[in-house]
Amino acid sequence: MTVDEIAHEAVRRMNKRITNEIFLIIQNERDLMKEYLRAVEASGLDVVNQTIGKRVKSAYGLANIDDREDNPSCTLIQSHQKFD
């Protein structure tokens, strides 16, 4: 594997985890979780999670990939979600 291929693979693996990590922050921070639940009540789970996912994608310059985190540790998301 070339150095470029190593870097590409490492970035690909991290991209799979970033959204999960962001949702873990929300889940584990009481104030954010409270606001998250209010937003879900007002707008619905899909809208809230898709909006957060899009923001993460924009903030980190991520592209959609088909191989998502298979087993997210965050209970707020499911591995089959797609953020366009």
C-alpha atoms as a PDB file:
ATOM      1  CA  MET A   1       0.000   0.000   0.000  1.00  0.00           C
ATOM      2  CA  THR A   2       1.318   3.444  -0.848  1.00  0.00           C
ATOM      3  CA  VAL A   3       1.385   6.288   1.662  1.00  0.00           C
ATOM      4  CA  ASP A   4      -1.468   7.935  -0.251  1.00  0.00           C
ATOM      5  CA  GLU A   5      -3.526   4.725  -0.069  1.00  0.00           C
ATOM      6  CA  ILE A   6      -2.873   4.432   3.665  1.00  0.00           C
ATOM      7  CA  ALA A   7      -4.022   8.000   4.218  1.00  0.00           C
ATOM      8  CA  HIS A   8      -7.080   7.508   1.997  1.00  0.00           C
ATOM      9  CA  GLU A   9      -8.087   4.367   3.892  1.00  0.00           C
ATOM     10  CA  ALA A  10      -7.617   6.009   7.293  1.00  0.00           C
ATOM     11  CA  VAL A  11      -9.757   8.984   6.234  1.00  0.00           C
ATOM     12  CA  ARG A  12     -12.424   6.649   4.837  1.00  0.00           C
ATOM     13  CA  ARG A  13     -12.587   4.781   8.141  1.00  0.00           C
ATOM     14  CA  MET A  14     -12.821   8.001  10.146  1.00  0.00           C
ATOM     15  CA  ASN A  15     -15.568   9.377   7.913  1.00  0.00           C
ATOM     16  CA  LYS A  16     -17.675   6.369   8.882  1.00  0.00           C
ATOM     17  CA  ARG A  17     -17.379   7.300  12.561  1.00  0.00           C
ATOM     18  CA  ILE A  18     -17.756  11.076  12.588  1.00  0.00           C
ATOM     19  CA  THR A  19     -21.566  11.241  12.570  1.00  0.00           C
ATOM     20  CA  ASN A  20     -21.755   8.628  15.300  1.00  0.00           C
ATOM     21  CA  GLU A  21     -19.329  10.664  17.416  1.00  0.00           C
ATOM     22  CA  ILE A  22     -21.355  13.857  16.968  1.00  0.00           C
ATOM     23  CA  PHE A  23     -24.537  12.071  18.014  1.00  0.00           C
ATOM     24  CA  LEU A  24     -22.698  10.628  21.038  1.00  0.00           C
ATOM     25  CA  ILE A  25     -21.845  14.174  22.099  1.00  0.00           C
ATOM     26  CA  ILE A  26     -25.528  15.087  21.912  1.00  0.00           C
ATOM     27  CA  GLN A  27     -26.537  11.905  23.734  1.00  0.00           C
ATOM     28  CA  ASN A  28     -24.004  12.362  26.533  1.00  0.00           C
ATOM     29  CA  GLU A  29     -24.398  16.105  27.128  1.00  0.00           C
ATOM     30  CA  ARG A  30     -27.531  16.700  29.176  1.00  0.00           C
ATOM     31  CA  ASP A  31     -28.257  20.168  27.799  1.00  0.00           C
ATOM     32  CA  LEU A  32     -27.837  19.072  24.178  1.00  0.00           C
ATOM     33  CA  MET A  33     -29.933  15.948  24.737  1.00  0.00           C
ATOM     34  CA  LYS A  34     -32.728  18.036  26.240  1.00  0.00           C
ATOM     35  CA  GLU A  35     -32.743  20.348  23.215  1.00  0.00           C
ATOM     36  CA  TYR A  36     -32.474  17.364  20.853  1.00  0.00           C
ATOM     37  CA  LEU A  37     -35.587  15.799  22.389  1.00  0.00           C
ATOM     38  CA  ARG A  38     -37.452  19.099  22.093  1.00  0.00           C
ATOM     39  CA  ALA A  39     -36.470  19.341  18.440  1.00  0.00           C
ATOM     40  CA  VAL A  40     -37.583  15.749  17.807  1.00  0.00           C
ATOM     41  CA  GLU A  41     -40.915  16.499  19.436  1.00  0.00           C
ATOM     42  CA  ALA A  42     -41.384  19.600  17.302  1.00  0.00           C
ATOM     43  CA  SER A  43     -40.019  18.376  13.965  1.00  0.00           C
ATOM     44  CA  GLY A  44     -39.785  14.583  14.101  1.00  0.00           C
ATOM     45  CA  LEU A  45     -36.872  12.217  14.443  1.00  0.00           C
ATOM     46  CA  ASP A  46     -36.055  11.896  10.742  1.00  0.00           C
ATOM     47  CA  VAL A  47     -35.969  15.648  10.156  1.00  0.00           C
ATOM     48  CA  VAL A  48     -33.792  16.302  13.203  1.00  0.00           C
ATOM     49  CA  ASN A  49     -31.317  13.504  12.485  1.00  0.00           C
ATOM     50  CA  GLN A  50     -31.081  14.354   8.787  1.00  0.00           C
ATOM     51  CA  THR A  51     -30.504  18.017   9.616  1.00  0.00           C
ATOM     52  CA  ILE A  52     -27.745  17.138  12.077  1.00  0.00           C
ATOM     53  CA  GLY A  53     -26.237  14.713   9.565  1.00  0.00           C
ATOM     54  CA  LYS A  54     -26.193  17.358   6.842  1.00  0.00           C
ATOM     55  CA  ARG A  55     -24.538  19.826   9.216  1.00  0.00           C
ATOM     56  CA  VAL A  56     -21.841  17.287  10.095  1.00  0.00           C
ATOM     57  CA  LYS A  57     -21.266  16.572   6.418  1.00  0.00           C
ATOM     58  CA  SER A  58     -20.934  20.288   5.685  1.00  0.00           C
ATOM     59  CA  ALA A  59     -18.731  21.061   8.695  1.00  0.00           C
ATOM     60  CA  TYR A  60     -16.248  18.305   7.883  1.00  0.00           C
ATOM     61  CA  GLY A  61     -16.497  18.358   4.095  1.00  0.00           C
ATOM     62  CA  LEU A  62     -17.667  14.744   3.993  1.00  0.00           C
ATOM     63  CA  ALA A  63     -19.051  12.913   1.004  1.00  0.00           C
ATOM     64  CA  ASN A  64     -21.781  10.299   1.183  1.00  0.00           C
ATOM     65  CA  ILE A  65     -20.360   6.800   1.305  1.00  0.00           C
ATOM     66  CA  ASP A  66     -22.117   3.467   1.107  1.00  0.00           C
ATOM     67  CA  ASP A  67     -20.098   1.761   3.825  1.00  0.00           C
ATOM     68  CA  ARG A  68     -21.406   3.401   6.964  1.00  0.00           C
ATOM     69  CA  GLU A  69     -20.587   2.494  10.534  1.00  0.00           C
ATOM     70  CA  ASP A  70     -22.144  -0.946  10.879  1.00  0.00           C
ATOM     71  CA  ASN A  71     -22.667  -0.780  14.594  1.00  0.00           C
ATOM     72  CA  PRO A  72     -23.033   2.801  15.794  1.00  0.00           C
ATOM     73  CA  SER A  73     -22.592   3.112  19.547  1.00  0.00           C
ATOM     74  CA  CYS A  74     -24.999   6.018  19.732  1.00  0.00           C
ATOM     75  CA  THR A  75     -28.621   5.101  20.381  1.00  0.00           C
ATOM     76  CA  LEU A  76     -29.907   8.254  18.650  1.00  0.00           C
ATOM     77  CA  ILE A  77     -29.043   7.012  15.168  1.00  0.00           C
ATOM     78  CA  GLN A  78     -29.421   3.852  13.182  1.00  0.00           C
ATOM     79  CA  SER A  79     -26.768   2.542  10.826  1.00  0.00           C
ATOM     80  CA  HIS A  80     -29.100   2.617   7.813  1.00  0.00           C
ATOM     81  CA  GLN A  81     -29.571   6.389   7.859  1.00  0.00           C
ATOM     82  CA  LYS A  82     -28.421   8.350   4.849  1.00  0.00           C
ATOM     83  CA  PHE A  83     -27.655  12.055   5.036  1.00  0.00           C
ATOM     84  CA  ASP A  84     -27.880  13.681   1.592  1.00  0.00           C
END
